[in-house]
Amino acid sequence: MTADYQKMVTMDSSSFVLLADYVPAIVQEIRYYSTYNFIGDRIDGYEEPCAVLTLQAARALKSVSNEMNVMGYRLKVFDAYRPAGAVKHFVLWGIEDTDIRMKPYFYPDLVKQELFMKGYIATKSSHSRGSTVDLTLLDMKTGKEVDMGSPFDFFSEVSHPDYRGITKEQYNNRMLLRNAMIRNGFDPIDCEWWHFTLKNEPFPDTYFEFPVSSAYLKRGI
């Protein structure tokens, strides 16, 4: 981390909440707590498999959830707040680690360094500001994820939201999620259909370091 970036990093979790407390119907599969992610190990800072967000982002996501529930869908979250230390873990893996065991599953057509060059992995992540979420839709009738044409964290052009080399149904599913998120105050990005940041995020210039942990939030720090 640069000195200037370090000055913007804090351990203060007082403005954050457990997403499940605000969106009880949320489904959580926190990938960076598990080993099924593009690195293949649990990521630094993920002490519990729980989604944490700023209060403002959690309230906005509740509105999305309510809208989707009426249409027969639940939200499924893969990642939310991400500690700055987790981002450092990503960067060090990209620069120093020769391990590519997860390449066939997450970046089969790219070399590791391209993941940063093409914007799939950021050296300073909006997730660390606390109002960014990675998610998909779950069909309440089948109990299965909606087909989006590519899985979460699949780093390829096929995961770009506007990619048209997928079926009409898959594209429409992406737009269903995207439009609901935009209507409720979130901004998308152009390279990942699952990634959204609260437009009026409360901490646009602050990055947080505290662990993903319900116990840490309960301390009221």
Foldseek 3Di string as FASTA:
>chain_A
DDPVQVVQEAAQCLQKDFLCVLAVQEAFDAPLCALPAQQRHRFPQAPDRTEMAGPVLSNLVNQLQVVVVVVQKGKYFHYAADALRRLVVLVCCLPPNPDRPNCVPAPVPDRSVVCDVVPVRDSDDPSQLGFKTFIFIAGNVVRHTQQQQHDPNRQDQSQFLPDDPGDPRNNVRLVSSQVSSVVSAWDDDGGHSRMIGRNPRPSPRHGYHHGNDPVSVVVSD
